[in-house]
């Protein structure tokens, strides 16, 4: 594979960043979005509908029957499309709250441009209806026949009809879950919370879970407690990892990635990391690099002598297999 763009590698130590707010690295049990889904019909299309699909025709006939009409023959129209409607019910969603809606064609419709969604009940995972959607569709300025015109949106197109029961203010304890499980980070979260609250109110049960007992003086003001805790700052730890995008030739590496002593031969290139007398410089086809070398320093040295991204990626894979590269490799 040949690249037309130079390799970009980012290698920055995590210690240079400010500590993360807890609200950015944890979620609170019970406080999450809930997906909603429904089946509906879009009408008013200018001949770009399904036009003959069995599901669409059956749905159209049932709709007429609901409206008091009883068509004798099959109902078919190219101005109608069968769609799946999706939305997300936010945590603590209340009656009358508006939700954004996504509408996606499931039939032969070539475009949903100009259509209107008929009233569509939206159900949760328990089969109950939590919202009702309808309204004019927007395809984001795409012209008819353009790509993705079979998916549309309705801003504020659904209304919450049923609330999720969650007695948050009566809780005696709260469970926090790390978005990226890590034992070191979990221990830091526990230490930060306990030091600031002045007691042993939190504990970690595993690398992702922190249980917090509500302090007595916060039992009637849990919202205030969470508002305080979520703004505590903790340094989030992470494993040494290299993420490689072969399509663009981009490599992103953490600052903890290091190389053990190793010698590399790749094509006309020979590299030695470490060893007696190893310094920074070039001698014939042998490129010498200091013993304690980070991945960024190695890449900068290789780029300086014209090594391409395809060669670099091959070298990283070999270094990992050899055990000299102390990091996980992830390809996207």
C-alpha atoms as a PDB file:
ATOM      1  CA  UNK A   1       0.000   0.000   0.000  1.00  0.00           C
ATOM      2  CA  UNK A   2       1.391   3.402  -0.978  1.00  0.00           C
ATOM      3  CA  UNK A   3       0.417   6.547   0.904  1.00  0.00           C
ATOM      4  CA  UNK A   4       0.115  10.006  -0.538  1.00  0.00           C
ATOM      5  CA  UNK A   5       0.194  11.631   2.893  1.00  0.00           C
ATOM      6  CA  UNK A   6       3.054  11.591   5.414  1.00  0.00           C
ATOM      7  CA  UNK A   7       2.731   9.507   8.537  1.00  0.00           C
ATOM      8  CA  UNK A   8       1.337  11.334  11.527  1.00  0.00           C
ATOM      9  CA  UNK A   9       2.211   9.999  14.948  1.00  0.00           C
ATOM     10  CA  UNK A  10       1.047  11.555  18.180  1.00  0.00           C
ATOM     11  CA  UNK A  11       2.810  10.472  21.337  1.00  0.00           C
ATOM     12  CA  UNK A  12       2.067  12.566  24.394  1.00  0.00           C
ATOM     13  CA  UNK A  13       2.486  11.604  28.002  1.00  0.00           C
ATOM     14  CA  UNK A  14      -0.801  11.537  29.890  1.00  0.00           C
ATOM     15  CA  UNK A  15       0.844  13.409  32.746  1.00  0.00           C
ATOM     16  CA  UNK A  16       0.799  16.664  30.776  1.00  0.00           C
ATOM     17  CA  UNK A  17      -2.989  16.767  30.716  1.00  0.00           C
ATOM     18  CA  UNK A  18      -5.140  18.213  33.472  1.00  0.00           C
ATOM     19  CA  UNK A  19      -6.991  15.676  35.599  1.00  0.00           C
ATOM     20  CA  UNK A  20     -10.360  14.568  34.262  1.00  0.00           C
ATOM     21  CA  UNK A  21     -13.665  15.460  35.865  1.00  0.00           C
ATOM     22  CA  UNK A  22     -15.495  12.423  37.238  1.00  0.00           C
ATOM     23  CA  UNK A  23     -18.561  13.295  35.135  1.00  0.00           C
ATOM     24  CA  UNK A  24     -16.442  12.715  32.022  1.00  0.00           C
ATOM     25  CA  UNK A  25     -15.082   9.291  32.984  1.00  0.00           C
ATOM     26  CA  UNK A  26     -17.938   7.612  34.894  1.00  0.00           C
ATOM     27  CA  UNK A  27     -21.632   6.933  34.500  1.00  0.00           C
ATOM     28  CA  UNK A  28     -24.168   6.638  37.301  1.00  0.00           C
ATOM     29  CA  UNK A  29     -26.253   3.473  37.473  1.00  0.00           C
ATOM     30  CA  UNK A  30     -29.798   4.225  36.333  1.00  0.00           C
ATOM     31  CA  UNK A  31     -28.875   7.517  34.719  1.00  0.00           C
ATOM     32  CA  UNK A  32     -28.785   6.622  31.026  1.00  0.00           C
ATOM     33  CA  UNK A  33     -30.617   7.004  27.756  1.00  0.00           C
ATOM     34  CA  UNK A  34     -33.136   4.360  26.706  1.00  0.00           C
ATOM     35  CA  UNK A  35     -33.578   3.500  23.013  1.00  0.00           C
ATOM     36  CA  UNK A  36     -37.084   3.654  21.570  1.00  0.00           C
ATOM     37  CA  UNK A  37     -38.247   2.130  18.289  1.00  0.00           C
ATOM     38  CA  UNK A  38     -41.439   2.011  16.251  1.00  0.00           C
ATOM     39  CA  UNK A  39     -42.815   1.118  12.817  1.00  0.00           C
ATOM     40  CA  UNK A  40     -44.578   3.789  10.778  1.00  0.00           C
ATOM     41  CA  UNK A  41     -45.580   5.123   7.387  1.00  0.00           C
ATOM     42  CA  UNK A  42     -44.269   8.184   5.568  1.00  0.00           C
ATOM     43  CA  UNK A  43     -46.734   9.790   3.168  1.00  0.00           C
ATOM     44  CA  UNK A  44     -46.571  12.678   0.692  1.00  0.00           C
ATOM     45  CA  UNK A  45     -43.641  11.356  -1.334  1.00  0.00           C
ATOM     46  CA  UNK A  46     -43.432  12.423  -4.970  1.00  0.00           C
ATOM     47  CA  UNK A  47     -43.424   8.952  -6.516  1.00  0.00           C
ATOM     48  CA  UNK A  48     -40.327   7.862  -4.560  1.00  0.00           C
ATOM     49  CA  UNK A  49     -42.107   5.543  -2.122  1.00  0.00           C
ATOM     50  CA  UNK A  50     -42.212   1.755  -1.923  1.00  0.00           C
ATOM     51  CA  UNK A  51     -45.014   1.323  -4.474  1.00  0.00           C
ATOM     52  CA  UNK A  52     -46.051  -2.311  -4.234  1.00  0.00           C
ATOM     53  CA  UNK A  53     -44.268  -3.662  -1.173  1.00  0.00           C
ATOM     54  CA  UNK A  54     -46.354  -6.207   0.746  1.00  0.00           C
ATOM     55  CA  UNK A  55     -45.594  -4.724   4.157  1.00  0.00           C
ATOM     56  CA  UNK A  56     -46.375  -1.187   3.009  1.00  0.00           C
ATOM     57  CA  UNK A  57     -49.608  -2.168   1.251  1.00  0.00           C
ATOM     58  CA  UNK A  58     -50.854  -4.159   4.257  1.00  0.00           C
ATOM     59  CA  UNK A  59     -50.041  -1.298   6.621  1.00  0.00           C
ATOM     60  CA  UNK A  60     -51.787   1.189   4.341  1.00  0.00           C
ATOM     61  CA  UNK A  61     -54.910  -0.968   4.227  1.00  0.00           C
ATOM     62  CA  UNK A  62     -54.971  -1.292   8.051  1.00  0.00           C
ATOM     63  CA  UNK A  63     -54.573   2.471   8.378  1.00  0.00           C
ATOM     64  CA  UNK A  64     -57.633   3.046   6.151  1.00  0.00           C
ATOM     65  CA  UNK A  65     -59.609   0.555   8.235  1.00  0.00           C
ATOM     66  CA  UNK A  66     -58.633   2.413  11.401  1.00  0.00           C
ATOM     67  CA  UNK A  67     -59.945   5.607   9.817  1.00  0.00           C
ATOM     68  CA  UNK A  68     -63.305   3.932   9.099  1.00  0.00           C
ATOM     69  CA  UNK A  69     -62.633   2.992   5.479  1.00  0.00           C
ATOM     70  CA  UNK A  70     -62.712  -0.587   4.179  1.00  0.00           C
ATOM     71  CA  UNK A  71     -60.958  -0.856   0.819  1.00  0.00           C
ATOM     72  CA  UNK A  72     -62.002  -3.966  -1.107  1.00  0.00           C
ATOM     73  CA  UNK A  73     -58.946  -4.321  -3.318  1.00  0.00           C
ATOM     74  CA  UNK A  74     -55.231  -4.059  -2.502  1.00  0.00           C
ATOM     75  CA  UNK A  75     -53.985  -0.568  -1.672  1.00  0.00           C
ATOM     76  CA  UNK A  76     -50.786   0.495  -3.439  1.00  0.00           C
ATOM     77  CA  UNK A  77     -49.104   3.849  -3.776  1.00  0.00           C
ATOM     78  CA  UNK A  78     -45.659   5.118  -4.735  1.00  0.00           C
ATOM     79  CA  UNK A  79     -46.188   8.100  -2.473  1.00  0.00           C
ATOM     80  CA  UNK A  80     -45.962   5.986   0.710  1.00  0.00           C
ATOM     81  CA  UNK A  81     -42.947   4.338   2.383  1.00  0.00           C
ATOM     82  CA  UNK A  82     -42.624   1.932   5.296  1.00  0.00           C
ATOM     83  CA  UNK A  83     -40.084   3.152   7.866  1.00  0.00           C
ATOM     84  CA  UNK A  84     -38.483   2.329  11.195  1.00  0.00           C
ATOM     85  CA  UNK A  85     -38.553   5.233  13.638  1.00  0.00           C
ATOM     86  CA  UNK A  86     -35.986   5.521  16.439  1.00  0.00           C
ATOM     87  CA  UNK A  87     -35.401   7.942  19.303  1.00  0.00           C
ATOM     88  CA  UNK A  88     -33.662   8.070  22.686  1.00  0.00           C
ATOM     89  CA  UNK A  89     -35.526   8.631  25.921  1.00  0.00           C
ATOM     90  CA  UNK A  90     -33.190  10.678  28.153  1.00  0.00           C
ATOM     91  CA  UNK A  91     -32.736   9.906  31.832  1.00  0.00           C
ATOM     92  CA  UNK A  92     -35.569  11.424  33.845  1.00  0.00           C
ATOM     93  CA  UNK A  93     -37.554  12.133  30.663  1.00  0.00           C
ATOM     94  CA  UNK A  94     -40.840  13.786  31.645  1.00  0.00           C
ATOM     95  CA  UNK A  95     -44.329  13.870  30.148  1.00  0.00           C
ATOM     96  CA  UNK A  96     -44.549  16.294  27.247  1.00  0.00           C
ATOM     97  CA  UNK A  97     -40.784  16.463  26.714  1.00  0.00           C
ATOM     98  CA  UNK A  98     -39.770  16.604  23.046  1.00  0.00           C
ATOM     99  CA  UNK A  99     -37.353  14.096  21.494  1.00  0.00           C
ATOM    100  CA  UNK A 100     -35.428  14.117  18.217  1.00  0.00           C
ATOM    101  CA  UNK A 101     -36.410  11.332  15.849  1.00  0.00           C
ATOM    102  CA  UNK A 102     -34.599   9.386  13.106  1.00  0.00           C
ATOM    103  CA  UNK A 103     -36.633   7.829  10.292  1.00  0.00           C
ATOM    104  CA  UNK A 104     -35.160   5.088   8.070  1.00  0.00           C
ATOM    105  CA  UNK A 105     -36.751   3.432   5.050  1.00  0.00           C
ATOM    106  CA  UNK A 106     -37.125  -0.377   5.132  1.00  0.00           C
ATOM    107  CA  UNK A 107     -38.728  -0.834   1.708  1.00  0.00           C
ATOM    108  CA  UNK A 108     -37.915   0.114  -1.878  1.00  0.00           C
ATOM    109  CA  UNK A 109     -38.263   3.850  -1.410  1.00  0.00           C
ATOM    110  CA  UNK A 110     -35.618   5.795  -3.306  1.00  0.00           C
ATOM    111  CA  UNK A 111     -36.055   8.990  -1.280  1.00  0.00           C
ATOM    112  CA  UNK A 112     -37.953  10.239   1.778  1.00  0.00           C
ATOM    113  CA  UNK A 113     -37.601  13.863   0.676  1.00  0.00           C
ATOM    114  CA  UNK A 114     -40.769  15.888   1.220  1.00  0.00           C
ATOM    115  CA  UNK A 115     -42.503  13.171   3.254  1.00  0.00           C
ATOM    116  CA  UNK A 116     -44.489  13.355   6.473  1.00  0.00           C
ATOM    117  CA  UNK A 117     -44.428  10.687   9.178  1.00  0.00           C
ATOM    118  CA  UNK A 118     -47.851   9.546  10.362  1.00  0.00           C
ATOM    119  CA  UNK A 119     -48.440   9.146  14.104  1.00  0.00           C
ATOM    120  CA  UNK A 120     -46.096   6.358  15.262  1.00  0.00           C
ATOM    121  CA  UNK A 121     -45.930   4.866  18.789  1.00  0.00           C
ATOM    122  CA  UNK A 122     -42.353   4.365  20.044  1.00  0.00           C
ATOM    123  CA  UNK A 123     -41.710   1.436  22.378  1.00  0.00           C
ATOM    124  CA  UNK A 124     -38.946   0.626  24.835  1.00  0.00           C
ATOM    125  CA  UNK A 125     -37.258  -2.704  25.439  1.00  0.00           C
ATOM    126  CA  UNK A 126     -40.122  -3.746  27.742  1.00  0.00           C
ATOM    127  CA  UNK A 127     -42.678  -3.373  24.940  1.00  0.00           C
ATOM    128  CA  UNK A 128     -44.369  -0.344  26.501  1.00  0.00           C
ATOM    129  CA  UNK A 129     -45.094   2.853  24.551  1.00  0.00           C
ATOM    130  CA  UNK A 130     -43.061   5.754  25.935  1.00  0.00           C
ATOM    131  CA  UNK A 131     -43.398   8.338  23.165  1.00  0.00           C
ATOM    132  CA  UNK A 132     -45.357   9.137  20.011  1.00  0.00           C
ATOM    133  CA  UNK A 133     -43.712  10.545  16.875  1.00  0.00           C
ATOM    134  CA  UNK A 134     -45.007  12.358  13.801  1.00  0.00           C
ATOM    135  CA  UNK A 135     -44.199  15.334  11.581  1.00  0.00           C
ATOM    136  CA  UNK A 136     -42.469  16.548   8.437  1.00  0.00           C
ATOM    137  CA  UNK A 137     -39.152  14.912   7.539  1.00  0.00           C
ATOM    138  CA  UNK A 138     -35.851  16.689   7.021  1.00  0.00           C
ATOM    139  CA  UNK A 139     -33.021  15.099   5.027  1.00  0.00           C
ATOM    140  CA  UNK A 140     -30.488  17.802   5.879  1.00  0.00           C
ATOM    141  CA  UNK A 141     -30.529  19.703   2.602  1.00  0.00           C
ATOM    142  CA  UNK A 142     -29.823  16.648   0.461  1.00  0.00           C
ATOM    143  CA  UNK A 143     -31.376  16.836  -2.974  1.00  0.00           C
ATOM    144  CA  UNK A 144     -33.745  14.149  -4.113  1.00  0.00           C
ATOM    145  CA  UNK A 145     -31.835  11.054  -5.205  1.00  0.00           C
ATOM    146  CA  UNK A 146     -28.716  12.010  -3.257  1.00  0.00           C
ATOM    147  CA  UNK A 147     -26.941   9.552  -0.993  1.00  0.00           C
ATOM    148  CA  UNK A 148     -28.604   8.770   2.340  1.00  0.00           C
ATOM    149  CA  UNK A 149     -31.933  10.299   1.243  1.00  0.00           C
ATOM    150  CA  UNK A 150     -33.607   7.167   2.605  1.00  0.00           C
ATOM    151  CA  UNK A 151     -32.773   8.317   6.141  1.00  0.00           C
ATOM    152  CA  UNK A 152     -34.322  11.472   7.578  1.00  0.00           C
ATOM    153  CA  UNK A 153     -34.747  13.322  10.851  1.00  0.00           C
ATOM    154  CA  UNK A 154     -37.566  15.088  12.664  1.00  0.00           C
ATOM    155  CA  UNK A 155     -36.178  17.549  15.247  1.00  0.00           C
ATOM    156  CA  UNK A 156     -38.431  17.482  18.325  1.00  0.00           C
ATOM    157  CA  UNK A 157     -40.571  15.009  16.393  1.00  0.00           C
ATOM    158  CA  UNK A 158     -41.669  12.850  19.336  1.00  0.00           C
ATOM    159  CA  UNK A 159     -43.461  13.603  22.602  1.00  0.00           C
ATOM    160  CA  UNK A 160     -42.894  11.626  25.811  1.00  0.00           C
ATOM    161  CA  UNK A 161     -46.145   9.935  26.851  1.00  0.00           C
ATOM    162  CA  UNK A 162     -44.875   7.804  29.744  1.00  0.00           C
ATOM    163  CA  UNK A 163     -42.116   8.354  32.285  1.00  0.00           C
ATOM    164  CA  UNK A 164     -39.627   5.845  33.627  1.00  0.00           C
ATOM    165  CA  UNK A 165     -40.102   5.333  37.342  1.00  0.00           C
ATOM    166  CA  UNK A 166     -36.850   6.139  39.136  1.00  0.00           C
ATOM    167  CA  UNK A 167     -36.920   7.317  42.752  1.00  0.00           C
ATOM    168  CA  UNK A 168     -33.473   8.823  42.649  1.00  0.00           C
ATOM    169  CA  UNK A 169     -33.912  11.060  45.689  1.00  0.00           C
ATOM    170  CA  UNK A 170     -34.666   8.055  47.922  1.00  0.00           C
ATOM    171  CA  UNK A 171     -31.454   6.183  47.204  1.00  0.00           C
ATOM    172  CA  UNK A 172     -29.186   5.170  50.070  1.00  0.00           C
ATOM    173  CA  UNK A 173     -26.243   4.435  47.797  1.00  0.00           C
ATOM    174  CA  UNK A 174     -25.027   5.204  44.289  1.00  0.00           C
ATOM    175  CA  UNK A 175     -23.035   3.016  41.907  1.00  0.00           C
ATOM    176  CA  UNK A 176     -20.500   4.652  39.603  1.00  0.00           C
ATOM    177  CA  UNK A 177     -19.166   2.797  36.551  1.00  0.00           C
ATOM    178  CA  UNK A 178     -15.922   3.738  34.822  1.00  0.00           C
ATOM    179  CA  UNK A 179     -16.312   4.213  31.074  1.00  0.00           C
ATOM    180  CA  UNK A 180     -12.857   2.646  30.670  1.00  0.00           C
ATOM    181  CA  UNK A 181     -12.347   0.011  33.386  1.00  0.00           C
ATOM    182  CA  UNK A 182      -8.964   0.289  35.071  1.00  0.00           C
ATOM    183  CA  UNK A 183      -7.912  -0.749  38.576  1.00  0.00           C
ATOM    184  CA  UNK A 184      -5.566   2.210  39.038  1.00  0.00           C
ATOM    185  CA  UNK A 185      -8.208   4.726  37.992  1.00  0.00           C
ATOM    186  CA  UNK A 186     -10.831   3.061  40.216  1.00  0.00           C
ATOM    187  CA  UNK A 187      -8.507   3.298  43.227  1.00  0.00           C
ATOM    188  CA  UNK A 188      -7.835   6.973  42.482  1.00  0.00           C
ATOM    189  CA  UNK A 189     -11.573   7.708  42.245  1.00  0.00           C
ATOM    190  CA  UNK A 190     -12.208   6.049  45.612  1.00  0.00           C
ATOM    191  CA  UNK A 191      -9.347   7.957  47.244  1.00  0.00           C
ATOM    192  CA  UNK A 192     -10.471  11.297  45.800  1.00  0.00           C
ATOM    193  CA  UNK A 193     -14.093  10.868  46.910  1.00  0.00           C
ATOM    194  CA  UNK A 194     -13.229   9.725  50.427  1.00  0.00           C
ATOM    195  CA  UNK A 195     -10.664  12.492  50.971  1.00  0.00           C
ATOM    196  CA  UNK A 196     -13.091  15.182  49.863  1.00  0.00           C
ATOM    197  CA  UNK A 197     -16.121  13.837  51.738  1.00  0.00           C
ATOM    198  CA  UNK A 198     -14.081  13.262  54.887  1.00  0.00           C
ATOM    199  CA  UNK A 199     -14.791   9.591  55.444  1.00  0.00           C
ATOM    200  CA  UNK A 200     -14.799   6.112  53.946  1.00  0.00           C
ATOM    201  CA  UNK A 201     -18.004   6.474  51.930  1.00  0.00           C
ATOM    202  CA  UNK A 202     -16.835   4.859  48.687  1.00  0.00           C
ATOM    203  CA  UNK A 203     -15.166   1.597  47.747  1.00  0.00           C
ATOM    204  CA  UNK A 204     -14.251  -0.186  44.504  1.00  0.00           C
ATOM    205  CA  UNK A 205     -15.660  -3.669  43.914  1.00  0.00           C
ATOM    206  CA  UNK A 206     -13.732  -4.228  40.668  1.00  0.00           C
ATOM    207  CA  UNK A 207     -11.885  -2.290  37.957  1.00  0.00           C
ATOM    208  CA  UNK A 208     -15.080  -0.621  36.717  1.00  0.00           C
ATOM    209  CA  UNK A 209     -17.377  -0.265  39.735  1.00  0.00           C
ATOM    210  CA  UNK A 210     -17.311   2.194  42.633  1.00  0.00           C
ATOM    211  CA  UNK A 211     -20.070   2.034  45.242  1.00  0.00           C
ATOM    212  CA  UNK A 212     -20.847   5.225  47.160  1.00  0.00           C
ATOM    213  CA  UNK A 213     -22.846   5.307  50.394  1.00  0.00           C
ATOM    214  CA  UNK A 214     -24.803   8.545  50.750  1.00  0.00           C
ATOM    215  CA  UNK A 215     -23.348  10.528  53.690  1.00  0.00           C
ATOM    216  CA  UNK A 216     -26.013  11.275  56.350  1.00  0.00           C
ATOM    217  CA  UNK A 217     -25.927  15.032  55.735  1.00  0.00           C
ATOM    218  CA  UNK A 218     -26.656  14.505  52.007  1.00  0.00           C
ATOM    219  CA  UNK A 219     -29.585  12.065  52.342  1.00  0.00           C
ATOM    220  CA  UNK A 220     -32.099  14.780  51.477  1.00  0.00           C
ATOM    221  CA  UNK A 221     -29.945  16.459  48.829  1.00  0.00           C
ATOM    222  CA  UNK A 222     -28.551  13.718  46.608  1.00  0.00           C
ATOM    223  CA  UNK A 223     -28.603  15.989  43.564  1.00  0.00           C
ATOM    224  CA  UNK A 224     -26.294  18.424  45.363  1.00  0.00           C
ATOM    225  CA  UNK A 225     -23.993  15.538  46.336  1.00  0.00           C
ATOM    226  CA  UNK A 226     -23.698  14.308  42.761  1.00  0.00           C
ATOM    227  CA  UNK A 227     -23.143  17.854  41.481  1.00  0.00           C
ATOM    228  CA  UNK A 228     -20.191  18.113  43.861  1.00  0.00           C
ATOM    229  CA  UNK A 229     -18.746  14.655  43.208  1.00  0.00           C
ATOM    230  CA  UNK A 230     -18.930  14.819  39.406  1.00  0.00           C
ATOM    231  CA  UNK A 231     -16.649  17.855  39.458  1.00  0.00           C
ATOM    232  CA  UNK A 232     -13.905  16.111  41.444  1.00  0.00           C
ATOM    233  CA  UNK A 233     -10.834  15.633  39.251  1.00  0.00           C
ATOM    234  CA  UNK A 234      -8.937  12.369  38.839  1.00  0.00           C
ATOM    235  CA  UNK A 235      -6.002  11.424  36.630  1.00  0.00           C
ATOM    236  CA  UNK A 236      -7.342   8.664  34.408  1.00  0.00           C
ATOM    237  CA  UNK A 237      -4.778   5.921  33.902  1.00  0.00           C
ATOM    238  CA  UNK A 238      -4.485   3.919  30.692  1.00  0.00           C
ATOM    239  CA  UNK A 239      -2.513   1.044  29.242  1.00  0.00           C
ATOM    240  CA  UNK A 240       0.243   1.634  26.710  1.00  0.00           C
ATOM    241  CA  UNK A 241      -1.488   1.357  23.329  1.00  0.00           C
ATOM    242  CA  UNK A 242      -0.797   2.174  19.690  1.00  0.00           C
ATOM    243  CA  UNK A 243      -3.777   2.760  17.387  1.00  0.00           C
ATOM    244  CA  UNK A 244      -3.026   2.418  13.664  1.00  0.00           C
ATOM    245  CA  UNK A 245      -5.240   3.565  10.793  1.00  0.00           C
ATOM    246  CA  UNK A 246      -3.745   1.929   7.711  1.00  0.00           C
ATOM    247  CA  UNK A 247      -6.097   3.789   5.355  1.00  0.00           C
ATOM    248  CA  UNK A 248      -4.740   7.206   6.262  1.00  0.00           C
ATOM    249  CA  UNK A 249      -1.303   6.208   7.542  1.00  0.00           C
ATOM    250  CA  UNK A 250      -2.039   7.686  10.968  1.00  0.00           C
ATOM    251  CA  UNK A 251      -0.579   6.279  14.171  1.00  0.00           C
ATOM    252  CA  UNK A 252      -1.594   7.493  17.624  1.00  0.00           C
ATOM    253  CA  UNK A 253       0.451   6.324  20.598  1.00  0.00           C
ATOM    254  CA  UNK A 254       0.393   7.079  24.311  1.00  0.00           C
ATOM    255  CA  UNK A 255       3.404   8.498  26.053  1.00  0.00           C
ATOM    256  CA  UNK A 256       3.951   5.288  28.039  1.00  0.00           C
ATOM    257  CA  UNK A 257       4.943   3.309  24.932  1.00  0.00           C
ATOM    258  CA  UNK A 258       8.626   2.320  25.143  1.00  0.00           C
ATOM    259  CA  UNK A 259      11.097   0.030  23.364  1.00  0.00           C
ATOM    260  CA  UNK A 260      13.381  -2.571  24.873  1.00  0.00           C
ATOM    261  CA  UNK A 261      16.832  -3.289  23.498  1.00  0.00           C
ATOM    262  CA  UNK A 262      16.445  -4.726  19.991  1.00  0.00           C
ATOM    263  CA  UNK A 263      18.038  -4.818  16.538  1.00  0.00           C
ATOM    264  CA  UNK A 264      15.884  -4.465  13.414  1.00  0.00           C
ATOM    265  CA  UNK A 265      16.572  -5.239   9.775  1.00  0.00           C
ATOM    266  CA  UNK A 266      13.863  -4.188   7.310  1.00  0.00           C
ATOM    267  CA  UNK A 267      14.699  -4.151   3.617  1.00  0.00           C
ATOM    268  CA  UNK A 268      17.759  -1.937   3.170  1.00  0.00           C
ATOM    269  CA  UNK A 269      17.312  -0.516   6.658  1.00  0.00           C
ATOM    270  CA  UNK A 270      19.024  -1.814   9.803  1.00  0.00           C
ATOM    271  CA  UNK A 271      18.189  -0.422  13.236  1.00  0.00           C
ATOM    272  CA  UNK A 272      19.672  -1.084  16.647  1.00  0.00           C
ATOM    273  CA  UNK A 273      17.990   0.096  19.851  1.00  0.00           C
ATOM    274  CA  UNK A 274      20.269  -0.124  22.877  1.00  0.00           C
ATOM    275  CA  UNK A 275      23.496  -2.054  23.233  1.00  0.00           C
ATOM    276  CA  UNK A 276      26.954  -0.844  24.019  1.00  0.00           C
ATOM    277  CA  UNK A 277      28.067   2.186  22.105  1.00  0.00           C
ATOM    278  CA  UNK A 278      24.592   2.873  20.772  1.00  0.00           C
ATOM    279  CA  UNK A 279      23.981   6.555  20.206  1.00  0.00           C
ATOM    280  CA  UNK A 280      21.887   8.713  17.932  1.00  0.00           C
ATOM    281  CA  UNK A 281      23.168   8.853  14.400  1.00  0.00           C
ATOM    282  CA  UNK A 282      23.511   7.117  11.071  1.00  0.00           C
ATOM    283  CA  UNK A 283      26.412   4.932  10.015  1.00  0.00           C
ATOM    284  CA  UNK A 284      26.044   3.362   6.564  1.00  0.00           C
ATOM    285  CA  UNK A 285      22.839   1.351   6.505  1.00  0.00           C
ATOM    286  CA  UNK A 286      22.841   0.968  10.304  1.00  0.00           C
ATOM    287  CA  UNK A 287      20.791   3.505  12.252  1.00  0.00           C
ATOM    288  CA  UNK A 288      21.648   3.675  15.941  1.00  0.00           C
ATOM    289  CA  UNK A 289      19.262   4.995  18.588  1.00  0.00           C
ATOM    290  CA  UNK A 290      19.778   5.572  22.296  1.00  0.00           C
ATOM    291  CA  UNK A 291      18.955   2.735  24.675  1.00  0.00           C
ATOM    292  CA  UNK A 292      15.937   4.211  26.414  1.00  0.00           C
ATOM    293  CA  UNK A 293      13.859   5.130  23.408  1.00  0.00           C
ATOM    294  CA  UNK A 294      10.196   6.057  23.128  1.00  0.00           C
ATOM    295  CA  UNK A 295       8.159   5.188  20.074  1.00  0.00           C
ATOM    296  CA  UNK A 296       7.894   8.847  19.098  1.00  0.00           C
ATOM    297  CA  UNK A 297      11.678   9.220  19.044  1.00  0.00           C
ATOM    298  CA  UNK A 298      12.027   6.090  16.925  1.00  0.00           C
ATOM    299  CA  UNK A 299       9.392   7.259  14.428  1.00  0.00           C
ATOM    300  CA  UNK A 300      10.935  10.723  14.177  1.00  0.00           C
ATOM    301  CA  UNK A 301      14.301   9.131  13.438  1.00  0.00           C
ATOM    302  CA  UNK A 302      12.821   6.808  10.812  1.00  0.00           C
ATOM    303  CA  UNK A 303      10.868   9.624   9.167  1.00  0.00           C
ATOM    304  CA  UNK A 304      14.079  11.646   8.970  1.00  0.00           C
ATOM    305  CA  UNK A 305      15.669   9.021   6.742  1.00  0.00           C
ATOM    306  CA  UNK A 306      12.603   8.653   4.523  1.00  0.00           C
ATOM    307  CA  UNK A 307      10.953   5.523   5.919  1.00  0.00           C
ATOM    308  CA  UNK A 308       7.355   5.266   4.647  1.00  0.00           C
ATOM    309  CA  UNK A 309       4.229   4.562   6.708  1.00  0.00           C
ATOM    310  CA  UNK A 310       3.882   1.043   5.293  1.00  0.00           C
ATOM    311  CA  UNK A 311       7.409   0.209   6.462  1.00  0.00           C
ATOM    312  CA  UNK A 312       6.774   1.735   9.883  1.00  0.00           C
ATOM    313  CA  UNK A 313       3.613  -0.299  10.443  1.00  0.00           C
ATOM    314  CA  UNK A 314       5.444  -3.509   9.493  1.00  0.00           C
ATOM    315  CA  UNK A 315       8.260  -2.598  11.883  1.00  0.00           C
ATOM    316  CA  UNK A 316       5.804  -1.972  14.755  1.00  0.00           C
ATOM    317  CA  UNK A 317       4.109  -5.323  14.186  1.00  0.00           C
ATOM    318  CA  UNK A 318       7.463  -7.114  14.234  1.00  0.00           C
ATOM    319  CA  UNK A 319       8.606  -5.234  17.347  1.00  0.00           C
ATOM    320  CA  UNK A 320       5.395  -6.244  19.114  1.00  0.00           C
ATOM    321  CA  UNK A 321       5.817  -9.884  18.131  1.00  0.00           C
ATOM    322  CA  UNK A 322       9.425  -9.827  19.301  1.00  0.00           C
ATOM    323  CA  UNK A 323       8.438  -8.374  22.672  1.00  0.00           C
ATOM    324  CA  UNK A 324      10.556  -5.236  22.277  1.00  0.00           C
ATOM    325  CA  UNK A 325       7.528  -2.972  21.868  1.00  0.00           C
ATOM    326  CA  UNK A 326       5.790  -2.580  25.230  1.00  0.00           C
ATOM    327  CA  UNK A 327       2.277  -1.677  24.101  1.00  0.00           C
ATOM    328  CA  UNK A 328      -0.931  -3.065  22.636  1.00  0.00           C
ATOM    329  CA  UNK A 329      -1.522  -2.660  18.896  1.00  0.00           C
ATOM    330  CA  UNK A 330      -5.017  -1.805  17.667  1.00  0.00           C
ATOM    331  CA  UNK A 331      -5.912  -1.497  13.976  1.00  0.00           C
ATOM    332  CA  UNK A 332      -8.940   0.512  12.835  1.00  0.00           C
END
